[in-house]
Amino acid sequence: VQGEVQCLCPSGGLQLGPNGRTCID
């Protein structure tokens, strides 16, 4: 996004964890 890399979560019921890489429920 605008030259910046962002990790994705495959569902709206998941959010990026504190590390910005893994998804938590």
PDBML (XML) file of the C-alpha atoms, coordinates in Angstrom:
<?xml version="1.0" encoding="UTF-8" ?>
<PDBx:datablock datablockName="MODEL"
   xmlns:PDBx="http://pdbml.pdb.org/schema/pdbx-v50.xsd"
   xmlns:xsi="http://www.w3.org/2001/XMLSchema-instance"
   xsi:schemaLocation="http://pdbml.pdb.org/schema/pdbx-v50.xsd pdbx-v50.xsd">
   <PDBx:atom_siteCategory>
      <PDBx:atom_site id="1">
         <PDBx:B_iso_or_equiv>0.00</PDBx:B_iso_or_equiv>
         <PDBx:Cartn_x>0.000</PDBx:Cartn_x>
         <PDBx:Cartn_y>0.000</PDBx:Cartn_y>
         <PDBx:Cartn_z>0.000</PDBx:Cartn_z>
         <PDBx:auth_asym_id>A</PDBx:auth_asym_id>
         <PDBx:auth_atom_id>CA</PDBx:auth_atom_id>
         <PDBx:auth_comp_id>VAL</PDBx:auth_comp_id>
         <PDBx:auth_seq_id>1</PDBx:auth_seq_id>
         <PDBx:group_PDB>ATOM</PDBx:group_PDB>
         <PDBx:label_alt_id xsi:nil="true" />
         <PDBx:label_asym_id>A</PDBx:label_asym_id>
         <PDBx:label_atom_id>CA</PDBx:label_atom_id>
         <PDBx:label_comp_id>VAL</PDBx:label_comp_id>
         <PDBx:label_entity_id>1</PDBx:label_entity_id>
         <PDBx:label_seq_id>1</PDBx:label_seq_id>
         <PDBx:occupancy>1.00</PDBx:occupancy>
         <PDBx:pdbx_PDB_model_num>1</PDBx:pdbx_PDB_model_num>
         <PDBx:type_symbol>C</PDBx:type_symbol>
      </PDBx:atom_site>
      <PDBx:atom_site id="2">
         <PDBx:B_iso_or_equiv>0.00</PDBx:B_iso_or_equiv>
         <PDBx:Cartn_x>1.651</PDBx:Cartn_x>
         <PDBx:Cartn_y>3.214</PDBx:Cartn_y>
         <PDBx:Cartn_z>-1.240</PDBx:Cartn_z>
         <PDBx:auth_asym_id>A</PDBx:auth_asym_id>
         <PDBx:auth_atom_id>CA</PDBx:auth_atom_id>
         <PDBx:auth_comp_id>GLN</PDBx:auth_comp_id>
         <PDBx:auth_seq_id>2</PDBx:auth_seq_id>
         <PDBx:group_PDB>ATOM</PDBx:group_PDB>
         <PDBx:label_alt_id xsi:nil="true" />
         <PDBx:label_asym_id>A</PDBx:label_asym_id>
         <PDBx:label_atom_id>CA</PDBx:label_atom_id>
         <PDBx:label_comp_id>GLN</PDBx:label_comp_id>
         <PDBx:label_entity_id>1</PDBx:label_entity_id>
         <PDBx:label_seq_id>2</PDBx:label_seq_id>
         <PDBx:occupancy>1.00</PDBx:occupancy>
         <PDBx:pdbx_PDB_model_num>1</PDBx:pdbx_PDB_model_num>
         <PDBx:type_symbol>C</PDBx:type_symbol>
      </PDBx:atom_site>
      <PDBx:atom_site id="3">
         <PDBx:B_iso_or_equiv>0.00</PDBx:B_iso_or_equiv>
         <PDBx:Cartn_x>5.039</PDBx:Cartn_x>
         <PDBx:Cartn_y>1.498</PDBx:Cartn_y>
         <PDBx:Cartn_z>-1.386</PDBx:Cartn_z>
         <PDBx:auth_asym_id>A</PDBx:auth_asym_id>
         <PDBx:auth_atom_id>CA</PDBx:auth_atom_id>
         <PDBx:auth_comp_id>GLY</PDBx:auth_comp_id>
         <PDBx:auth_seq_id>3</PDBx:auth_seq_id>
         <PDBx:group_PDB>ATOM</PDBx:group_PDB>
         <PDBx:label_alt_id xsi:nil="true" />
         <PDBx:label_asym_id>A</PDBx:label_asym_id>
         <PDBx:label_atom_id>CA</PDBx:label_atom_id>
         <PDBx:label_comp_id>GLY</PDBx:label_comp_id>
         <PDBx:label_entity_id>1</PDBx:label_entity_id>
         <PDBx:label_seq_id>3</PDBx:label_seq_id>
         <PDBx:occupancy>1.00</PDBx:occupancy>
         <PDBx:pdbx_PDB_model_num>1</PDBx:pdbx_PDB_model_num>
         <PDBx:type_symbol>C</PDBx:type_symbol>
      </PDBx:atom_site>
      <PDBx:atom_site id="4">
         <PDBx:B_iso_or_equiv>0.00</PDBx:B_iso_or_equiv>
         <PDBx:Cartn_x>4.682</PDBx:Cartn_x>
         <PDBx:Cartn_y>0.132</PDBx:Cartn_y>
         <PDBx:Cartn_z>2.149</PDBx:Cartn_z>
         <PDBx:auth_asym_id>A</PDBx:auth_asym_id>
         <PDBx:auth_atom_id>CA</PDBx:auth_atom_id>
         <PDBx:auth_comp_id>GLU</PDBx:auth_comp_id>
         <PDBx:auth_seq_id>4</PDBx:auth_seq_id>
         <PDBx:group_PDB>ATOM</PDBx:group_PDB>
         <PDBx:label_alt_id xsi:nil="true" />
         <PDBx:label_asym_id>A</PDBx:label_asym_id>
         <PDBx:label_atom_id>CA</PDBx:label_atom_id>
         <PDBx:label_comp_id>GLU</PDBx:label_comp_id>
         <PDBx:label_entity_id>1</PDBx:label_entity_id>
         <PDBx:label_seq_id>4</PDBx:label_seq_id>
         <PDBx:occupancy>1.00</PDBx:occupancy>
         <PDBx:pdbx_PDB_model_num>1</PDBx:pdbx_PDB_model_num>
         <PDBx:type_symbol>C</PDBx:type_symbol>
      </PDBx:atom_site>
      <PDBx:atom_site id="5">
         <PDBx:B_iso_or_equiv>0.00</PDBx:B_iso_or_equiv>
         <PDBx:Cartn_x>4.348</PDBx:Cartn_x>
         <PDBx:Cartn_y>-3.591</PDBx:Cartn_y>
         <PDBx:Cartn_z>2.837</PDBx:Cartn_z>
         <PDBx:auth_asym_id>A</PDBx:auth_asym_id>
         <PDBx:auth_atom_id>CA</PDBx:auth_atom_id>
         <PDBx:auth_comp_id>VAL</PDBx:auth_comp_id>
         <PDBx:auth_seq_id>5</PDBx:auth_seq_id>
         <PDBx:group_PDB>ATOM</PDBx:group_PDB>
         <PDBx:label_alt_id xsi:nil="true" />
         <PDBx:label_asym_id>A</PDBx:label_asym_id>
         <PDBx:label_atom_id>CA</PDBx:label_atom_id>
         <PDBx:label_comp_id>VAL</PDBx:label_comp_id>
         <PDBx:label_entity_id>1</PDBx:label_entity_id>
         <PDBx:label_seq_id>5</PDBx:label_seq_id>
         <PDBx:occupancy>1.00</PDBx:occupancy>
         <PDBx:pdbx_PDB_model_num>1</PDBx:pdbx_PDB_model_num>
         <PDBx:type_symbol>C</PDBx:type_symbol>
      </PDBx:atom_site>
      <PDBx:atom_site id="6">
         <PDBx:B_iso_or_equiv>0.00</PDBx:B_iso_or_equiv>
         <PDBx:Cartn_x>1.473</PDBx:Cartn_x>
         <PDBx:Cartn_y>-4.600</PDBx:Cartn_y>
         <PDBx:Cartn_z>5.114</PDBx:Cartn_z>
         <PDBx:auth_asym_id>A</PDBx:auth_asym_id>
         <PDBx:auth_atom_id>CA</PDBx:auth_atom_id>
         <PDBx:auth_comp_id>GLN</PDBx:auth_comp_id>
         <PDBx:auth_seq_id>6</PDBx:auth_seq_id>
         <PDBx:group_PDB>ATOM</PDBx:group_PDB>
         <PDBx:label_alt_id xsi:nil="true" />
         <PDBx:label_asym_id>A</PDBx:label_asym_id>
         <PDBx:label_atom_id>CA</PDBx:label_atom_id>
         <PDBx:label_comp_id>GLN</PDBx:label_comp_id>
         <PDBx:label_entity_id>1</PDBx:label_entity_id>
         <PDBx:label_seq_id>6</PDBx:label_seq_id>
         <PDBx:occupancy>1.00</PDBx:occupancy>
         <PDBx:pdbx_PDB_model_num>1</PDBx:pdbx_PDB_model_num>
         <PDBx:type_symbol>C</PDBx:type_symbol>
      </PDBx:atom_site>
      <PDBx:atom_site id="7">
         <PDBx:B_iso_or_equiv>0.00</PDBx:B_iso_or_equiv>
         <PDBx:Cartn_x>0.676</PDBx:Cartn_x>
         <PDBx:Cartn_y>-8.116</PDBx:Cartn_y>
         <PDBx:Cartn_z>6.336</PDBx:Cartn_z>
         <PDBx:auth_asym_id>A</PDBx:auth_asym_id>
         <PDBx:auth_atom_id>CA</PDBx:auth_atom_id>
         <PDBx:auth_comp_id>CYS</PDBx:auth_comp_id>
         <PDBx:auth_seq_id>7</PDBx:auth_seq_id>
         <PDBx:group_PDB>ATOM</PDBx:group_PDB>
         <PDBx:label_alt_id xsi:nil="true" />
         <PDBx:label_asym_id>A</PDBx:label_asym_id>
         <PDBx:label_atom_id>CA</PDBx:label_atom_id>
         <PDBx:label_comp_id>CYS</PDBx:label_comp_id>
         <PDBx:label_entity_id>1</PDBx:label_entity_id>
         <PDBx:label_seq_id>7</PDBx:label_seq_id>
         <PDBx:occupancy>1.00</PDBx:occupancy>
         <PDBx:pdbx_PDB_model_num>1</PDBx:pdbx_PDB_model_num>
         <PDBx:type_symbol>C</PDBx:type_symbol>
      </PDBx:atom_site>
      <PDBx:atom_site id="8">
         <PDBx:B_iso_or_equiv>0.00</PDBx:B_iso_or_equiv>
         <PDBx:Cartn_x>-2.825</PDBx:Cartn_x>
         <PDBx:Cartn_y>-9.405</PDBx:Cartn_y>
         <PDBx:Cartn_z>5.608</PDBx:Cartn_z>
         <PDBx:auth_asym_id>A</PDBx:auth_asym_id>
         <PDBx:auth_atom_id>CA</PDBx:auth_atom_id>
         <PDBx:auth_comp_id>LEU</PDBx:auth_comp_id>
         <PDBx:auth_seq_id>8</PDBx:auth_seq_id>
         <PDBx:group_PDB>ATOM</PDBx:group_PDB>
         <PDBx:label_alt_id xsi:nil="true" />
         <PDBx:label_asym_id>A</PDBx:label_asym_id>
         <PDBx:label_atom_id>CA</PDBx:label_atom_id>
         <PDBx:label_comp_id>LEU</PDBx:label_comp_id>
         <PDBx:label_entity_id>1</PDBx:label_entity_id>
         <PDBx:label_seq_id>8</PDBx:label_seq_id>
         <PDBx:occupancy>1.00</PDBx:occupancy>
         <PDBx:pdbx_PDB_model_num>1</PDBx:pdbx_PDB_model_num>
         <PDBx:type_symbol>C</PDBx:type_symbol>
      </PDBx:atom_site>
      <PDBx:atom_site id="9">
         <PDBx:B_iso_or_equiv>0.00</PDBx:B_iso_or_equiv>
         <PDBx:Cartn_x>-5.380</PDBx:Cartn_x>
         <PDBx:Cartn_y>-11.345</PDBx:Cartn_y>
         <PDBx:Cartn_z>7.629</PDBx:Cartn_z>
         <PDBx:auth_asym_id>A</PDBx:auth_asym_id>
         <PDBx:auth_atom_id>CA</PDBx:auth_atom_id>
         <PDBx:auth_comp_id>CYS</PDBx:auth_comp_id>
         <PDBx:auth_seq_id>9</PDBx:auth_seq_id>
         <PDBx:group_PDB>ATOM</PDBx:group_PDB>
         <PDBx:label_alt_id xsi:nil="true" />
         <PDBx:label_asym_id>A</PDBx:label_asym_id>
         <PDBx:label_atom_id>CA</PDBx:label_atom_id>
         <PDBx:label_comp_id>CYS</PDBx:label_comp_id>
         <PDBx:label_entity_id>1</PDBx:label_entity_id>
         <PDBx:label_seq_id>9</PDBx:label_seq_id>
         <PDBx:occupancy>1.00</PDBx:occupancy>
         <PDBx:pdbx_PDB_model_num>1</PDBx:pdbx_PDB_model_num>
         <PDBx:type_symbol>C</PDBx:type_symbol>
      </PDBx:atom_site>
      <PDBx:atom_site id="10">
         <PDBx:B_iso_or_equiv>0.00</PDBx:B_iso_or_equiv>
         <PDBx:Cartn_x>-7.767</PDBx:Cartn_x>
         <PDBx:Cartn_y>-13.505</PDBx:Cartn_y>
         <PDBx:Cartn_z>5.573</PDBx:Cartn_z>
         <PDBx:auth_asym_id>A</PDBx:auth_asym_id>
         <PDBx:auth_atom_id>CA</PDBx:auth_atom_id>
         <PDBx:auth_comp_id>PRO</PDBx:auth_comp_id>
         <PDBx:auth_seq_id>10</PDBx:auth_seq_id>
         <PDBx:group_PDB>ATOM</PDBx:group_PDB>
         <PDBx:label_alt_id xsi:nil="true" />
         <PDBx:label_asym_id>A</PDBx:label_asym_id>
         <PDBx:label_atom_id>CA</PDBx:label_atom_id>
         <PDBx:label_comp_id>PRO</PDBx:label_comp_id>
         <PDBx:label_entity_id>1</PDBx:label_entity_id>
         <PDBx:label_seq_id>10</PDBx:label_seq_id>
         <PDBx:occupancy>1.00</PDBx:occupancy>
         <PDBx:pdbx_PDB_model_num>1</PDBx:pdbx_PDB_model_num>
         <PDBx:type_symbol>C</PDBx:type_symbol>
      </PDBx:atom_site>
      <PDBx:atom_site id="11">
         <PDBx:B_iso_or_equiv>0.00</PDBx:B_iso_or_equiv>
         <PDBx:Cartn_x>-10.892</PDBx:Cartn_x>
         <PDBx:Cartn_y>-12.662</PDBx:Cartn_y>
         <PDBx:Cartn_z>7.581</PDBx:Cartn_z>
         <PDBx:auth_asym_id>A</PDBx:auth_asym_id>
         <PDBx:auth_atom_id>CA</PDBx:auth_atom_id>
         <PDBx:auth_comp_id>SER</PDBx:auth_comp_id>
         <PDBx:auth_seq_id>11</PDBx:auth_seq_id>
         <PDBx:group_PDB>ATOM</PDBx:group_PDB>
         <PDBx:label_alt_id xsi:nil="true" />
         <PDBx:label_asym_id>A</PDBx:label_asym_id>
         <PDBx:label_atom_id>CA</PDBx:label_atom_id>
         <PDBx:label_comp_id>SER</PDBx:label_comp_id>
         <PDBx:label_entity_id>1</PDBx:label_entity_id>
         <PDBx:label_seq_id>11</PDBx:label_seq_id>
         <PDBx:occupancy>1.00</PDBx:occupancy>
         <PDBx:pdbx_PDB_model_num>1</PDBx:pdbx_PDB_model_num>
         <PDBx:type_symbol>C</PDBx:type_symbol>
      </PDBx:atom_site>
      <PDBx:atom_site id="12">
         <PDBx:B_iso_or_equiv>0.00</PDBx:B_iso_or_equiv>
         <PDBx:Cartn_x>-12.504</PDBx:Cartn_x>
         <PDBx:Cartn_y>-9.638</PDBx:Cartn_y>
         <PDBx:Cartn_z>9.211</PDBx:Cartn_z>
         <PDBx:auth_asym_id>A</PDBx:auth_asym_id>
         <PDBx:auth_atom_id>CA</PDBx:auth_atom_id>
         <PDBx:auth_comp_id>GLY</PDBx:auth_comp_id>
         <PDBx:auth_seq_id>12</PDBx:auth_seq_id>
         <PDBx:group_PDB>ATOM</PDBx:group_PDB>
         <PDBx:label_alt_id xsi:nil="true" />
         <PDBx:label_asym_id>A</PDBx:label_asym_id>
         <PDBx:label_atom_id>CA</PDBx:label_atom_id>
         <PDBx:label_comp_id>GLY</PDBx:label_comp_id>
         <PDBx:label_entity_id>1</PDBx:label_entity_id>
         <PDBx:label_seq_id>12</PDBx:label_seq_id>
         <PDBx:occupancy>1.00</PDBx:occupancy>
         <PDBx:pdbx_PDB_model_num>1</PDBx:pdbx_PDB_model_num>
         <PDBx:type_symbol>C</PDBx:type_symbol>
      </PDBx:atom_site>
      <PDBx:atom_site id="13">
         <PDBx:B_iso_or_equiv>0.00</PDBx:B_iso_or_equiv>
         <PDBx:Cartn_x>-12.682</PDBx:Cartn_x>
         <PDBx:Cartn_y>-11.685</PDBx:Cartn_y>
         <PDBx:Cartn_z>12.407</PDBx:Cartn_z>
         <PDBx:auth_asym_id>A</PDBx:auth_asym_id>
         <PDBx:auth_atom_id>CA</PDBx:auth_atom_id>
         <PDBx:auth_comp_id>GLY</PDBx:auth_comp_id>
         <PDBx:auth_seq_id>13</PDBx:auth_seq_id>
         <PDBx:group_PDB>ATOM</PDBx:group_PDB>
         <PDBx:label_alt_id xsi:nil="true" />
         <PDBx:label_asym_id>A</PDBx:label_asym_id>
         <PDBx:label_atom_id>CA</PDBx:label_atom_id>
         <PDBx:label_comp_id>GLY</PDBx:label_comp_id>
         <PDBx:label_entity_id>1</PDBx:label_entity_id>
         <PDBx:label_seq_id>13</PDBx:label_seq_id>
         <PDBx:occupancy>1.00</PDBx:occupancy>
         <PDBx:pdbx_PDB_model_num>1</PDBx:pdbx_PDB_model_num>
         <PDBx:type_symbol>C</PDBx:type_symbol>
      </PDBx:atom_site>
      <PDBx:atom_site id="14">
         <PDBx:B_iso_or_equiv>0.00</PDBx:B_iso_or_equiv>
         <PDBx:Cartn_x>-8.873</PDBx:Cartn_x>
         <PDBx:Cartn_y>-11.741</PDBx:Cartn_y>
         <PDBx:Cartn_z>12.611</PDBx:Cartn_z>
         <PDBx:auth_asym_id>A</PDBx:auth_asym_id>
         <PDBx:auth_atom_id>CA</PDBx:auth_atom_id>
         <PDBx:auth_comp_id>LEU</PDBx:auth_comp_id>
         <PDBx:auth_seq_id>14</PDBx:auth_seq_id>
         <PDBx:group_PDB>ATOM</PDBx:group_PDB>
         <PDBx:label_alt_id xsi:nil="true" />
         <PDBx:label_asym_id>A</PDBx:label_asym_id>
         <PDBx:label_atom_id>CA</PDBx:label_atom_id>
         <PDBx:label_comp_id>LEU</PDBx:label_comp_id>
         <PDBx:label_entity_id>1</PDBx:label_entity_id>
         <PDBx:label_seq_id>14</PDBx:label_seq_id>
         <PDBx:occupancy>1.00</PDBx:occupancy>
         <PDBx:pdbx_PDB_model_num>1</PDBx:pdbx_PDB_model_num>
         <PDBx:type_symbol>C</PDBx:type_symbol>
      </PDBx:atom_site>
      <PDBx:atom_site id="15">
         <PDBx:B_iso_or_equiv>0.00</PDBx:B_iso_or_equiv>
         <PDBx:Cartn_x>-6.513</PDBx:Cartn_x>
         <PDBx:Cartn_y>-8.899</PDBx:Cartn_y>
         <PDBx:Cartn_z>13.408</PDBx:Cartn_z>
         <PDBx:auth_asym_id>A</PDBx:auth_asym_id>
         <PDBx:auth_atom_id>CA</PDBx:auth_atom_id>
         <PDBx:auth_comp_id>GLN</PDBx:auth_comp_id>
         <PDBx:auth_seq_id>15</PDBx:auth_seq_id>
         <PDBx:group_PDB>ATOM</PDBx:group_PDB>
         <PDBx:label_alt_id xsi:nil="true" />
         <PDBx:label_asym_id>A</PDBx:label_asym_id>
         <PDBx:label_atom_id>CA</PDBx:label_atom_id>
         <PDBx:label_comp_id>GLN</PDBx:label_comp_id>
         <PDBx:label_entity_id>1</PDBx:label_entity_id>
         <PDBx:label_seq_id>15</PDBx:label_seq_id>
         <PDBx:occupancy>1.00</PDBx:occupancy>
         <PDBx:pdbx_PDB_model_num>1</PDBx:pdbx_PDB_model_num>
         <PDBx:type_symbol>C</PDBx:type_symbol>
      </PDBx:atom_site>
      <PDBx:atom_site id="16">
         <PDBx:B_iso_or_equiv>0.00</PDBx:B_iso_or_equiv>
         <PDBx:Cartn_x>-2.783</PDBx:Cartn_x>
         <PDBx:Cartn_y>-8.436</PDBx:Cartn_y>
         <PDBx:Cartn_z>13.133</PDBx:Cartn_z>
         <PDBx:auth_asym_id>A</PDBx:auth_asym_id>
         <PDBx:auth_atom_id>CA</PDBx:auth_atom_id>
         <PDBx:auth_comp_id>LEU</PDBx:auth_comp_id>
         <PDBx:auth_seq_id>16</PDBx:auth_seq_id>
         <PDBx:group_PDB>ATOM</PDBx:group_PDB>
         <PDBx:label_alt_id xsi:nil="true" />
         <PDBx:label_asym_id>A</PDBx:label_asym_id>
         <PDBx:label_atom_id>CA</PDBx:label_atom_id>
         <PDBx:label_comp_id>LEU</PDBx:label_comp_id>
         <PDBx:label_entity_id>1</PDBx:label_entity_id>
         <PDBx:label_seq_id>16</PDBx:label_seq_id>
         <PDBx:occupancy>1.00</PDBx:occupancy>
         <PDBx:pdbx_PDB_model_num>1</PDBx:pdbx_PDB_model_num>
         <PDBx:type_symbol>C</PDBx:type_symbol>
      </PDBx:atom_site>
      <PDBx:atom_site id="17">
         <PDBx:B_iso_or_equiv>0.00</PDBx:B_iso_or_equiv>
         <PDBx:Cartn_x>-1.008</PDBx:Cartn_x>
         <PDBx:Cartn_y>-9.356</PDBx:Cartn_y>
         <PDBx:Cartn_z>16.328</PDBx:Cartn_z>
         <PDBx:auth_asym_id>A</PDBx:auth_asym_id>
         <PDBx:auth_atom_id>CA</PDBx:auth_atom_id>
         <PDBx:auth_comp_id>GLY</PDBx:auth_comp_id>
         <PDBx:auth_seq_id>17</PDBx:auth_seq_id>
         <PDBx:group_PDB>ATOM</PDBx:group_PDB>
         <PDBx:label_alt_id xsi:nil="true" />
         <PDBx:label_asym_id>A</PDBx:label_asym_id>
         <PDBx:label_atom_id>CA</PDBx:label_atom_id>
         <PDBx:label_comp_id>GLY</PDBx:label_comp_id>
         <PDBx:label_entity_id>1</PDBx:label_entity_id>
         <PDBx:label_seq_id>17</PDBx:label_seq_id>
         <PDBx:occupancy>1.00</PDBx:occupancy>
         <PDBx:pdbx_PDB_model_num>1</PDBx:pdbx_PDB_model_num>
         <PDBx:type_symbol>C</PDBx:type_symbol>
      </PDBx:atom_site>
      <PDBx:atom_site id="18">
         <PDBx:B_iso_or_equiv>0.00</PDBx:B_iso_or_equiv>
         <PDBx:Cartn_x>1.443</PDBx:Cartn_x>
         <PDBx:Cartn_y>-7.046</PDBx:Cartn_y>
         <PDBx:Cartn_z>18.130</PDBx:Cartn_z>
         <PDBx:auth_asym_id>A</PDBx:auth_asym_id>
         <PDBx:auth_atom_id>CA</PDBx:auth_atom_id>
         <PDBx:auth_comp_id>PRO</PDBx:auth_comp_id>
         <PDBx:auth_seq_id>18</PDBx:auth_seq_id>
         <PDBx:group_PDB>ATOM</PDBx:group_PDB>
         <PDBx:label_alt_id xsi:nil="true" />
         <PDBx:label_asym_id>A</PDBx:label_asym_id>
         <PDBx:label_atom_id>CA</PDBx:label_atom_id>
         <PDBx:label_comp_id>PRO</PDBx:label_comp_id>
         <PDBx:label_entity_id>1</PDBx:label_entity_id>
         <PDBx:label_seq_id>18</PDBx:label_seq_id>
         <PDBx:occupancy>1.00</PDBx:occupancy>
         <PDBx:pdbx_PDB_model_num>1</PDBx:pdbx_PDB_model_num>
         <PDBx:type_symbol>C</PDBx:type_symbol>
      </PDBx:atom_site>
      <PDBx:atom_site id="19">
         <PDBx:B_iso_or_equiv>0.00</PDBx:B_iso_or_equiv>
         <PDBx:Cartn_x>4.297</PDBx:Cartn_x>
         <PDBx:Cartn_y>-8.261</PDBx:Cartn_y>
         <PDBx:Cartn_z>15.889</PDBx:Cartn_z>
         <PDBx:auth_asym_id>A</PDBx:auth_asym_id>
         <PDBx:auth_atom_id>CA</PDBx:auth_atom_id>
         <PDBx:auth_comp_id>ASN</PDBx:auth_comp_id>
         <PDBx:auth_seq_id>19</PDBx:auth_seq_id>
         <PDBx:group_PDB>ATOM</PDBx:group_PDB>
         <PDBx:label_alt_id xsi:nil="true" />
         <PDBx:label_asym_id>A</PDBx:label_asym_id>
         <PDBx:label_atom_id>CA</PDBx:label_atom_id>
         <PDBx:label_comp_id>ASN</PDBx:label_comp_id>
         <PDBx:label_entity_id>1</PDBx:label_entity_id>
         <PDBx:label_seq_id>19</PDBx:label_seq_id>
         <PDBx:occupancy>1.00</PDBx:occupancy>
         <PDBx:pdbx_PDB_model_num>1</PDBx:pdbx_PDB_model_num>
         <PDBx:type_symbol>C</PDBx:type_symbol>
      </PDBx:atom_site>
      <PDBx:atom_site id="20">
         <PDBx:B_iso_or_equiv>0.00</PDBx:B_iso_or_equiv>
         <PDBx:Cartn_x>2.406</PDBx:Cartn_x>
         <PDBx:Cartn_y>-7.070</PDBx:Cartn_y>
         <PDBx:Cartn_z>12.764</PDBx:Cartn_z>
         <PDBx:auth_asym_id>A</PDBx:auth_asym_id>
         <PDBx:auth_atom_id>CA</PDBx:auth_atom_id>
         <PDBx:auth_comp_id>GLY</PDBx:auth_comp_id>
         <PDBx:auth_seq_id>20</PDBx:auth_seq_id>
         <PDBx:group_PDB>ATOM</PDBx:group_PDB>
         <PDBx:label_alt_id xsi:nil="true" />
         <PDBx:label_asym_id>A</PDBx:label_asym_id>
         <PDBx:label_atom_id>CA</PDBx:label_atom_id>
         <PDBx:label_comp_id>GLY</PDBx:label_comp_id>
         <PDBx:label_entity_id>1</PDBx:label_entity_id>
         <PDBx:label_seq_id>20</PDBx:label_seq_id>
         <PDBx:occupancy>1.00</PDBx:occupancy>
         <PDBx:pdbx_PDB_model_num>1</PDBx:pdbx_PDB_model_num>
         <PDBx:type_symbol>C</PDBx:type_symbol>
      </PDBx:atom_site>
      <PDBx:atom_site id="21">
         <PDBx:B_iso_or_equiv>0.00</PDBx:B_iso_or_equiv>
         <PDBx:Cartn_x>3.008</PDBx:Cartn_x>
         <PDBx:Cartn_y>-10.432</PDBx:Cartn_y>
         <PDBx:Cartn_z>11.052</PDBx:Cartn_z>
         <PDBx:auth_asym_id>A</PDBx:auth_asym_id>
         <PDBx:auth_atom_id>CA</PDBx:auth_atom_id>
         <PDBx:auth_comp_id>ARG</PDBx:auth_comp_id>
         <PDBx:auth_seq_id>21</PDBx:auth_seq_id>
         <PDBx:group_PDB>ATOM</PDBx:group_PDB>
         <PDBx:label_alt_id xsi:nil="true" />
         <PDBx:label_asym_id>A</PDBx:label_asym_id>
         <PDBx:label_atom_id>CA</PDBx:label_atom_id>
         <PDBx:label_comp_id>ARG</PDBx:label_comp_id>
         <PDBx:label_entity_id>1</PDBx:label_entity_id>
         <PDBx:label_seq_id>21</PDBx:label_seq_id>
         <PDBx:occupancy>1.00</PDBx:occupancy>
         <PDBx:pdbx_PDB_model_num>1</PDBx:pdbx_PDB_model_num>
         <PDBx:type_symbol>C</PDBx:type_symbol>
      </PDBx:atom_site>
      <PDBx:atom_site id="22">
         <PDBx:B_iso_or_equiv>0.00</PDBx:B_iso_or_equiv>
         <PDBx:Cartn_x>0.718</PDBx:Cartn_x>
         <PDBx:Cartn_y>-13.040</PDBx:Cartn_y>
         <PDBx:Cartn_z>12.610</PDBx:Cartn_z>
         <PDBx:auth_asym_id>A</PDBx:auth_asym_id>
         <PDBx:auth_atom_id>CA</PDBx:auth_atom_id>
         <PDBx:auth_comp_id>THR</PDBx:auth_comp_id>
         <PDBx:auth_seq_id>22</PDBx:auth_seq_id>
         <PDBx:group_PDB>ATOM</PDBx:group_PDB>
         <PDBx:label_alt_id xsi:nil="true" />
         <PDBx:label_asym_id>A</PDBx:label_asym_id>
         <PDBx:label_atom_id>CA</PDBx:label_atom_id>
         <PDBx:label_comp_id>THR</PDBx:label_comp_id>
         <PDBx:label_entity_id>1</PDBx:label_entity_id>
         <PDBx:label_seq_id>22</PDBx:label_seq_id>
         <PDBx:occupancy>1.00</PDBx:occupancy>
         <PDBx:pdbx_PDB_model_num>1</PDBx:pdbx_PDB_model_num>
         <PDBx:type_symbol>C</PDBx:type_symbol>
      </PDBx:atom_site>
      <PDBx:atom_site id="23">
         <PDBx:B_iso_or_equiv>0.00</PDBx:B_iso_or_equiv>
         <PDBx:Cartn_x>-3.075</PDBx:Cartn_x>
         <PDBx:Cartn_y>-12.927</PDBx:Cartn_y>
         <PDBx:Cartn_z>12.838</PDBx:Cartn_z>
         <PDBx:auth_asym_id>A</PDBx:auth_asym_id>
         <PDBx:auth_atom_id>CA</PDBx:auth_atom_id>
         <PDBx:auth_comp_id>CYS</PDBx:auth_comp_id>
         <PDBx:auth_seq_id>23</PDBx:auth_seq_id>
         <PDBx:group_PDB>ATOM</PDBx:group_PDB>
         <PDBx:label_alt_id xsi:nil="true" />
         <PDBx:label_asym_id>A</PDBx:label_asym_id>
         <PDBx:label_atom_id>CA</PDBx:label_atom_id>
         <PDBx:label_comp_id>CYS</PDBx:label_comp_id>
         <PDBx:label_entity_id>1</PDBx:label_entity_id>
         <PDBx:label_seq_id>23</PDBx:label_seq_id>
         <PDBx:occupancy>1.00</PDBx:occupancy>
         <PDBx:pdbx_PDB_model_num>1</PDBx:pdbx_PDB_model_num>
         <PDBx:type_symbol>C</PDBx:type_symbol>
      </PDBx:atom_site>
      <PDBx:atom_site id="24">
         <PDBx:B_iso_or_equiv>0.00</PDBx:B_iso_or_equiv>
         <PDBx:Cartn_x>-4.944</PDBx:Cartn_x>
         <PDBx:Cartn_y>-13.349</PDBx:Cartn_y>
         <PDBx:Cartn_z>16.094</PDBx:Cartn_z>
         <PDBx:auth_asym_id>A</PDBx:auth_asym_id>
         <PDBx:auth_atom_id>CA</PDBx:auth_atom_id>
         <PDBx:auth_comp_id>ILE</PDBx:auth_comp_id>
         <PDBx:auth_seq_id>24</PDBx:auth_seq_id>
         <PDBx:group_PDB>ATOM</PDBx:group_PDB>
         <PDBx:label_alt_id xsi:nil="true" />
         <PDBx:label_asym_id>A</PDBx:label_asym_id>
         <PDBx:label_atom_id>CA</PDBx:label_atom_id>
         <PDBx:label_comp_id>ILE</PDBx:label_comp_id>
         <PDBx:label_entity_id>1</PDBx:label_entity_id>
         <PDBx:label_seq_id>24</PDBx:label_seq_id>
         <PDBx:occupancy>1.00</PDBx:occupancy>
         <PDBx:pdbx_PDB_model_num>1</PDBx:pdbx_PDB_model_num>
         <PDBx:type_symbol>C</PDBx:type_symbol>
      </PDBx:atom_site>
      <PDBx:atom_site id="25">
         <PDBx:B_iso_or_equiv>0.00</PDBx:B_iso_or_equiv>
         <PDBx:Cartn_x>-8.637</PDBx:Cartn_x>
         <PDBx:Cartn_y>-14.048</PDBx:Cartn_y>
         <PDBx:Cartn_z>16.604</PDBx:Cartn_z>
         <PDBx:auth_asym_id>A</PDBx:auth_asym_id>
         <PDBx:auth_atom_id>CA</PDBx:auth_atom_id>
         <PDBx:auth_comp_id>ASP</PDBx:auth_comp_id>
         <PDBx:auth_seq_id>25</PDBx:auth_seq_id>
         <PDBx:group_PDB>ATOM</PDBx:group_PDB>
         <PDBx:label_alt_id xsi:nil="true" />
         <PDBx:label_asym_id>A</PDBx:label_asym_id>
         <PDBx:label_atom_id>CA</PDBx:label_atom_id>
         <PDBx:label_comp_id>ASP</PDBx:label_comp_id>
         <PDBx:label_entity_id>1</PDBx:label_entity_id>
         <PDBx:label_seq_id>25</PDBx:label_seq_id>
         <PDBx:occupancy>1.00</PDBx:occupancy>
         <PDBx:pdbx_PDB_model_num>1</PDBx:pdbx_PDB_model_num>
         <PDBx:type_symbol>C</PDBx:type_symbol>
      </PDBx:atom_site>
   </PDBx:atom_siteCategory>
</PDBx:datablock>
